[in-house]
Amino acid sequence: MENNEYLPIEQHPWEPFMPDGARILIMGTFPPGSHRWSMDFYYPNPTNDFWKVMGLIFLNNPDALRDSTSKRFDMEACKALMIEHHIALNDTARKVRRLKGNASDKFLEIIEPVPLFDLLAQMPDCHAVATTGEKAAGVIATLTDTPLPKMGEMVKSADGLEIFRMPSTSRAYPLALDKKAEYYAEMFRRVEIL
């Protein structure tokens, strides 16, 4: 049995992104290592499909949120889109250990989950949470004492919080970009953002 207690504990690098009037909180698990970032903001890995999905849904162009001169995402354009559509971003883990030194959720040990209800208390218009992958969905299910939704489905907590489990936007998740976008678009329609 491996002794993981000697592995370093990483603290989440960013504050929750909570625009005024946020209506949904989208949550991944934890950012990749900083060597994989193309910007200092959520979903920074240029190979992750999150910002492509958002570009496809809201701007009809999967590359709309990229800097035109590089492969990097345009952080200010990403933030502006989230503000315009009242979408908050955070991750389900505050502190983690990387058991294999990579970004795979499979090898992340969550040391401290996000204080979900403290976050939601700061967003009075937010009545929905969406997770981008299975591990994040499991954390939220535990925190809200709800069953783990099937991919693409929603469950409600005892206090009426709508909890959606969306497909992972990692390239490792075997689903075409347009199919991922269909799941997210349907969720945005259900919470009346689209």
C-alpha atoms as a PDB file:
ATOM      1  CA  MET A   1       0.000   0.000   0.000  1.00  0.00           C
ATOM      2  CA  GLU A   2       1.351   3.417  -0.992  1.00  0.00           C
ATOM      3  CA  ASN A   3       1.878   6.096   1.624  1.00  0.00           C
ATOM      4  CA  ASN A   4       0.455   9.272   0.062  1.00  0.00           C
ATOM      5  CA  GLU A   5       0.775  11.503   3.119  1.00  0.00           C
ATOM      6  CA  TYR A   6       4.229  12.624   1.952  1.00  0.00           C
ATOM      7  CA  LEU A   7       2.942  13.886  -1.398  1.00  0.00           C
ATOM      8  CA  PRO A   8       2.495  17.665  -1.534  1.00  0.00           C
ATOM      9  CA  ILE A   9      -0.939  19.162  -0.961  1.00  0.00           C
ATOM     10  CA  GLU A  10      -1.977  21.698  -3.606  1.00  0.00           C
ATOM     11  CA  GLN A  11      -4.274  24.625  -2.842  1.00  0.00           C
ATOM     12  CA  HIS A  12      -6.700  25.767  -5.550  1.00  0.00           C
ATOM     13  CA  PRO A  13      -5.067  28.682  -7.404  1.00  0.00           C
ATOM     14  CA  TRP A  14      -8.150  30.814  -8.075  1.00  0.00           C
ATOM     15  CA  GLU A  15     -11.009  32.457  -6.246  1.00  0.00           C
ATOM     16  CA  PRO A  16     -14.516  31.386  -7.253  1.00  0.00           C
ATOM     17  CA  PHE A  17     -15.711  33.313 -10.312  1.00  0.00           C
ATOM     18  CA  MET A  18     -19.142  34.623  -9.300  1.00  0.00           C
ATOM     19  CA  PRO A  19     -20.585  37.259 -11.643  1.00  0.00           C
ATOM     20  CA  ASP A  20     -23.524  39.353 -10.447  1.00  0.00           C
ATOM     21  CA  GLY A  21     -26.797  37.550 -11.035  1.00  0.00           C
ATOM     22  CA  ALA A  22     -25.120  34.157 -11.550  1.00  0.00           C
ATOM     23  CA  ARG A  23     -27.798  31.547 -12.270  1.00  0.00           C
ATOM     24  CA  ILE A  24     -25.678  28.418 -12.557  1.00  0.00           C
ATOM     25  CA  LEU A  25     -22.391  27.300 -11.028  1.00  0.00           C
ATOM     26  CA  ILE A  26     -20.289  25.073 -13.287  1.00  0.00           C
ATOM     27  CA  MET A  27     -17.742  22.968 -11.418  1.00  0.00           C
ATOM     28  CA  GLY A  28     -14.859  20.798 -12.499  1.00  0.00           C
ATOM     29  CA  THR A  29     -12.614  18.925 -10.082  1.00  0.00           C
ATOM     30  CA  PHE A  30      -9.278  20.814  -9.949  1.00  0.00           C
ATOM     31  CA  PRO A  31      -7.030  22.605 -12.467  1.00  0.00           C
ATOM     32  CA  PRO A  32      -4.140  20.835 -14.157  1.00  0.00           C
ATOM     33  CA  GLY A  33      -0.585  21.730 -13.201  1.00  0.00           C
ATOM     34  CA  SER A  34       0.365  25.306 -14.116  1.00  0.00           C
ATOM     35  CA  HIS A  35       2.699  24.062 -16.879  1.00  0.00           C
ATOM     36  CA  ARG A  36      -0.489  23.129 -18.781  1.00  0.00           C
ATOM     37  CA  TRP A  37      -2.155  26.546 -18.493  1.00  0.00           C
ATOM     38  CA  SER A  38      -2.764  28.844 -21.441  1.00  0.00           C
ATOM     39  CA  MET A  39      -4.312  31.429 -19.082  1.00  0.00           C
ATOM     40  CA  ASP A  40      -4.643  32.080 -15.366  1.00  0.00           C
ATOM     41  CA  PHE A  41      -8.335  31.103 -15.198  1.00  0.00           C
ATOM     42  CA  TYR A  42     -10.669  28.105 -15.158  1.00  0.00           C
ATOM     43  CA  TYR A  43     -10.255  25.398 -17.832  1.00  0.00           C
ATOM     44  CA  PRO A  44      -6.821  26.759 -18.821  1.00  0.00           C
ATOM     45  CA  ASN A  45      -5.503  23.742 -20.735  1.00  0.00           C
ATOM     46  CA  PRO A  46      -5.649  24.529 -24.474  1.00  0.00           C
ATOM     47  CA  THR A  47      -6.562  20.896 -25.199  1.00  0.00           C
ATOM     48  CA  ASN A  48      -9.614  20.997 -22.886  1.00  0.00           C
ATOM     49  CA  ASP A  49     -12.911  21.404 -24.754  1.00  0.00           C
ATOM     50  CA  PHE A  50     -14.711  23.633 -22.199  1.00  0.00           C
ATOM     51  CA  TRP A  51     -14.115  26.987 -23.917  1.00  0.00           C
ATOM     52  CA  LYS A  52     -14.681  25.411 -27.333  1.00  0.00           C
ATOM     53  CA  VAL A  53     -18.064  24.135 -26.104  1.00  0.00           C
ATOM     54  CA  MET A  54     -18.928  27.614 -24.760  1.00  0.00           C
ATOM     55  CA  GLY A  55     -17.810  29.243 -28.025  1.00  0.00           C
ATOM     56  CA  LEU A  56     -19.889  26.808 -30.062  1.00  0.00           C
ATOM     57  CA  ILE A  57     -23.018  27.299 -27.940  1.00  0.00           C
ATOM     58  CA  PHE A  58     -22.968  31.062 -27.445  1.00  0.00           C
ATOM     59  CA  LEU A  59     -20.918  32.350 -30.417  1.00  0.00           C
ATOM     60  CA  ASN A  60     -21.456  29.581 -32.994  1.00  0.00           C
ATOM     61  CA  ASN A  61     -17.688  29.128 -33.272  1.00  0.00           C
ATOM     62  CA  PRO A  62     -15.591  26.688 -31.230  1.00  0.00           C
ATOM     63  CA  ASP A  63     -12.507  28.916 -31.613  1.00  0.00           C
ATOM     64  CA  ALA A  64     -14.226  32.214 -30.782  1.00  0.00           C
ATOM     65  CA  LEU A  65     -12.602  32.408 -27.331  1.00  0.00           C
ATOM     66  CA  ARG A  66      -9.064  31.787 -28.549  1.00  0.00           C
ATOM     67  CA  ASP A  67      -6.485  34.488 -28.997  1.00  0.00           C
ATOM     68  CA  SER A  68      -6.255  34.901 -32.774  1.00  0.00           C
ATOM     69  CA  THR A  69      -2.444  34.850 -32.746  1.00  0.00           C
ATOM     70  CA  SER A  70      -1.848  31.812 -30.526  1.00  0.00           C
ATOM     71  CA  LYS A  71      -3.384  28.630 -29.179  1.00  0.00           C
ATOM     72  CA  ARG A  72      -4.075  30.381 -25.881  1.00  0.00           C
ATOM     73  CA  PHE A  73      -7.545  31.239 -24.684  1.00  0.00           C
ATOM     74  CA  ASP A  74      -8.470  34.909 -24.382  1.00  0.00           C
ATOM     75  CA  MET A  75      -9.088  35.152 -20.630  1.00  0.00           C
ATOM     76  CA  GLU A  76     -10.945  38.462 -20.814  1.00  0.00           C
ATOM     77  CA  ALA A  77     -13.256  37.168 -23.567  1.00  0.00           C
ATOM     78  CA  CYS A  78     -13.934  34.010 -21.520  1.00  0.00           C
ATOM     79  CA  LYS A  79     -14.773  36.056 -18.419  1.00  0.00           C
ATOM     80  CA  ALA A  80     -16.957  38.462 -20.414  1.00  0.00           C
ATOM     81  CA  LEU A  81     -18.973  35.573 -21.862  1.00  0.00           C
ATOM     82  CA  MET A  82     -19.554  34.096 -18.399  1.00  0.00           C
ATOM     83  CA  ILE A  83     -20.598  37.502 -17.034  1.00  0.00           C
ATOM     84  CA  GLU A  84     -22.963  38.105 -19.970  1.00  0.00           C
ATOM     85  CA  HIS A  85     -24.703  34.763 -19.450  1.00  0.00           C
ATOM     86  CA  HIS A  86     -24.651  34.756 -15.623  1.00  0.00           C
ATOM     87  CA  ILE A  87     -22.454  31.650 -15.318  1.00  0.00           C
ATOM     88  CA  ALA A  88     -20.287  31.135 -12.232  1.00  0.00           C
ATOM     89  CA  LEU A  89     -17.216  28.892 -12.195  1.00  0.00           C
ATOM     90  CA  ASN A  90     -15.421  27.039  -9.424  1.00  0.00           C
ATOM     91  CA  ASP A  91     -14.070  23.569  -8.772  1.00  0.00           C
ATOM     92  CA  THR A  92     -15.212  20.922  -6.332  1.00  0.00           C
ATOM     93  CA  ALA A  93     -11.827  20.583  -4.601  1.00  0.00           C
ATOM     94  CA  ARG A  94     -10.059  23.265  -2.570  1.00  0.00           C
ATOM     95  CA  LYS A  95      -7.039  21.105  -1.719  1.00  0.00           C
ATOM     96  CA  VAL A  96      -5.759  17.951  -3.424  1.00  0.00           C
ATOM     97  CA  ARG A  97      -2.861  15.545  -3.724  1.00  0.00           C
ATOM     98  CA  ARG A  98      -1.851  14.413  -7.213  1.00  0.00           C
ATOM     99  CA  LEU A  99      -1.165  10.724  -6.722  1.00  0.00           C
ATOM    100  CA  LYS A 100       0.481  10.298 -10.141  1.00  0.00           C
ATOM    101  CA  GLY A 101       1.661  13.869 -10.750  1.00  0.00           C
ATOM    102  CA  ASN A 102      -0.831  14.470 -13.569  1.00  0.00           C
ATOM    103  CA  ALA A 103      -4.211  16.152 -14.077  1.00  0.00           C
ATOM    104  CA  SER A 104      -6.273  12.972 -14.243  1.00  0.00           C
ATOM    105  CA  ASP A 105      -9.268  12.999 -11.890  1.00  0.00           C
ATOM    106  CA  LYS A 106      -8.657   9.299 -11.374  1.00  0.00           C
ATOM    107  CA  PHE A 107      -5.411  10.102  -9.549  1.00  0.00           C
ATOM    108  CA  LEU A 108      -6.578  13.127  -7.532  1.00  0.00           C
ATOM    109  CA  GLU A 109      -7.071  12.681  -3.824  1.00  0.00           C
ATOM    110  CA  ILE A 110      -9.405  15.389  -2.561  1.00  0.00           C
ATOM    111  CA  ILE A 111      -8.136  16.637   0.787  1.00  0.00           C
ATOM    112  CA  GLU A 112     -10.652  19.457   1.200  1.00  0.00           C
ATOM    113  CA  PRO A 113     -13.824  19.892  -0.867  1.00  0.00           C
ATOM    114  CA  VAL A 114     -15.227  23.284  -1.763  1.00  0.00           C
ATOM    115  CA  PRO A 115     -17.591  24.895   0.795  1.00  0.00           C
ATOM    116  CA  LEU A 116     -20.482  24.605  -1.666  1.00  0.00           C
ATOM    117  CA  PHE A 117     -23.229  26.073   0.490  1.00  0.00           C
ATOM    118  CA  ASP A 118     -21.072  29.063   1.460  1.00  0.00           C
ATOM    119  CA  LEU A 119     -20.568  29.757  -2.247  1.00  0.00           C
ATOM    120  CA  LEU A 120     -24.245  29.386  -3.081  1.00  0.00           C
ATOM    121  CA  ALA A 121     -25.164  31.715  -0.204  1.00  0.00           C
ATOM    122  CA  GLN A 122     -23.200  34.436  -2.035  1.00  0.00           C
ATOM    123  CA  MET A 123     -25.208  33.864  -5.241  1.00  0.00           C
ATOM    124  CA  PRO A 124     -28.895  34.301  -4.389  1.00  0.00           C
ATOM    125  CA  ASP A 125     -30.038  33.819  -8.010  1.00  0.00           C
ATOM    126  CA  CYS A 126     -28.114  30.546  -8.438  1.00  0.00           C
ATOM    127  CA  HIS A 127     -30.310  27.474  -8.098  1.00  0.00           C
ATOM    128  CA  ALA A 128     -28.323  25.080 -10.291  1.00  0.00           C
ATOM    129  CA  VAL A 129     -24.940  23.394 -10.187  1.00  0.00           C
ATOM    130  CA  ALA A 130     -23.383  21.565 -13.128  1.00  0.00           C
ATOM    131  CA  THR A 131     -20.396  19.278 -12.897  1.00  0.00           C
ATOM    132  CA  THR A 132     -17.981  18.647 -15.746  1.00  0.00           C
ATOM    133  CA  GLY A 133     -17.209  15.017 -15.156  1.00  0.00           C
ATOM    134  CA  GLU A 134     -17.749  12.027 -12.922  1.00  0.00           C
ATOM    135  CA  LYS A 135     -15.405  12.828 -10.018  1.00  0.00           C
ATOM    136  CA  ALA A 136     -16.803  16.361  -9.644  1.00  0.00           C
ATOM    137  CA  ALA A 137     -20.322  14.887  -9.783  1.00  0.00           C
ATOM    138  CA  GLY A 138     -19.417  12.472  -6.998  1.00  0.00           C
ATOM    139  CA  VAL A 139     -18.119  15.284  -4.772  1.00  0.00           C
ATOM    140  CA  ILE A 140     -21.314  17.314  -5.259  1.00  0.00           C
ATOM    141  CA  ALA A 141     -23.498  14.242  -4.656  1.00  0.00           C
ATOM    142  CA  THR A 142     -21.701  13.706  -1.340  1.00  0.00           C
ATOM    143  CA  LEU A 143     -21.923  17.380  -0.321  1.00  0.00           C
ATOM    144  CA  THR A 144     -25.634  17.621  -1.183  1.00  0.00           C
ATOM    145  CA  ASP A 145     -26.618  14.115  -0.059  1.00  0.00           C
ATOM    146  CA  THR A 146     -28.102  13.345  -3.475  1.00  0.00           C
ATOM    147  CA  PRO A 147     -27.729  10.364  -5.797  1.00  0.00           C
ATOM    148  CA  LEU A 148     -25.051  10.558  -8.472  1.00  0.00           C
ATOM    149  CA  PRO A 149     -26.880  11.656 -11.633  1.00  0.00           C
ATOM    150  CA  LYS A 150     -26.271   9.786 -14.849  1.00  0.00           C
ATOM    151  CA  MET A 151     -24.279  11.696 -17.437  1.00  0.00           C
ATOM    152  CA  GLY A 152     -26.489  14.348 -19.028  1.00  0.00           C
ATOM    153  CA  GLU A 153     -29.131  14.106 -16.314  1.00  0.00           C
ATOM    154  CA  MET A 154     -30.233  16.241 -13.364  1.00  0.00           C
ATOM    155  CA  VAL A 155     -31.244  15.471  -9.790  1.00  0.00           C
ATOM    156  CA  LYS A 156     -32.722  17.823  -7.192  1.00  0.00           C
ATOM    157  CA  SER A 157     -31.486  18.200  -3.651  1.00  0.00           C
ATOM    158  CA  ALA A 158     -33.897  18.312  -0.704  1.00  0.00           C
ATOM    159  CA  ASP A 159     -33.788  22.117  -0.807  1.00  0.00           C
ATOM    160  CA  GLY A 160     -34.494  22.270  -4.571  1.00  0.00           C
ATOM    161  CA  LEU A 161     -30.972  22.780  -5.928  1.00  0.00           C
ATOM    162  CA  GLU A 162     -30.801  21.392  -9.481  1.00  0.00           C
ATOM    163  CA  ILE A 163     -27.633  19.332  -9.956  1.00  0.00           C
ATOM    164  CA  PHE A 164     -26.607  18.484 -13.524  1.00  0.00           C
ATOM    165  CA  ARG A 165     -23.892  16.036 -14.488  1.00  0.00           C
ATOM    166  CA  MET A 166     -22.381  17.052 -17.800  1.00  0.00           C
ATOM    167  CA  PRO A 167     -19.836  15.198 -19.911  1.00  0.00           C
ATOM    168  CA  SER A 168     -16.226  15.879 -19.069  1.00  0.00           C
ATOM    169  CA  THR A 169     -14.662  18.496 -21.323  1.00  0.00           C
ATOM    170  CA  SER A 170     -11.308  16.733 -21.088  1.00  0.00           C
ATOM    171  CA  ARG A 171      -9.990  15.484 -24.412  1.00  0.00           C
ATOM    172  CA  ALA A 172      -9.619  12.115 -22.691  1.00  0.00           C
ATOM    173  CA  TYR A 173     -13.420  11.822 -22.547  1.00  0.00           C
ATOM    174  CA  PRO A 174     -14.463  10.042 -25.769  1.00  0.00           C
ATOM    175  CA  LEU A 175     -17.304  12.238 -27.037  1.00  0.00           C
ATOM    176  CA  ALA A 176     -17.241  14.534 -30.057  1.00  0.00           C
ATOM    177  CA  LEU A 177     -17.176  18.281 -29.411  1.00  0.00           C
ATOM    178  CA  ASP A 178     -20.587  18.892 -31.015  1.00  0.00           C
ATOM    179  CA  LYS A 179     -22.135  16.136 -28.874  1.00  0.00           C
ATOM    180  CA  LYS A 180     -20.652  17.651 -25.698  1.00  0.00           C
ATOM    181  CA  ALA A 181     -22.060  21.013 -26.777  1.00  0.00           C
ATOM    182  CA  GLU A 182     -25.541  19.488 -27.234  1.00  0.00           C
ATOM    183  CA  TYR A 183     -25.556  18.300 -23.604  1.00  0.00           C
ATOM    184  CA  TYR A 184     -24.441  21.696 -22.295  1.00  0.00           C
ATOM    185  CA  ALA A 185     -26.873  23.604 -24.529  1.00  0.00           C
ATOM    186  CA  GLU A 186     -29.781  21.498 -23.274  1.00  0.00           C
ATOM    187  CA  MET A 187     -28.758  22.234 -19.683  1.00  0.00           C
ATOM    188  CA  PHE A 188     -28.562  25.973 -20.416  1.00  0.00           C
ATOM    189  CA  ARG A 189     -32.047  25.812 -21.927  1.00  0.00           C
ATOM    190  CA  ARG A 190     -33.386  24.085 -18.815  1.00  0.00           C
ATOM    191  CA  VAL A 191     -32.026  26.829 -16.553  1.00  0.00           C
ATOM    192  CA  GLU A 192     -33.236  29.499 -19.025  1.00  0.00           C
ATOM    193  CA  ILE A 193     -29.813  30.829 -19.967  1.00  0.00           C
ATOM    194  CA  LEU A 194     -30.343  29.883 -23.637  1.00  0.00           C
END
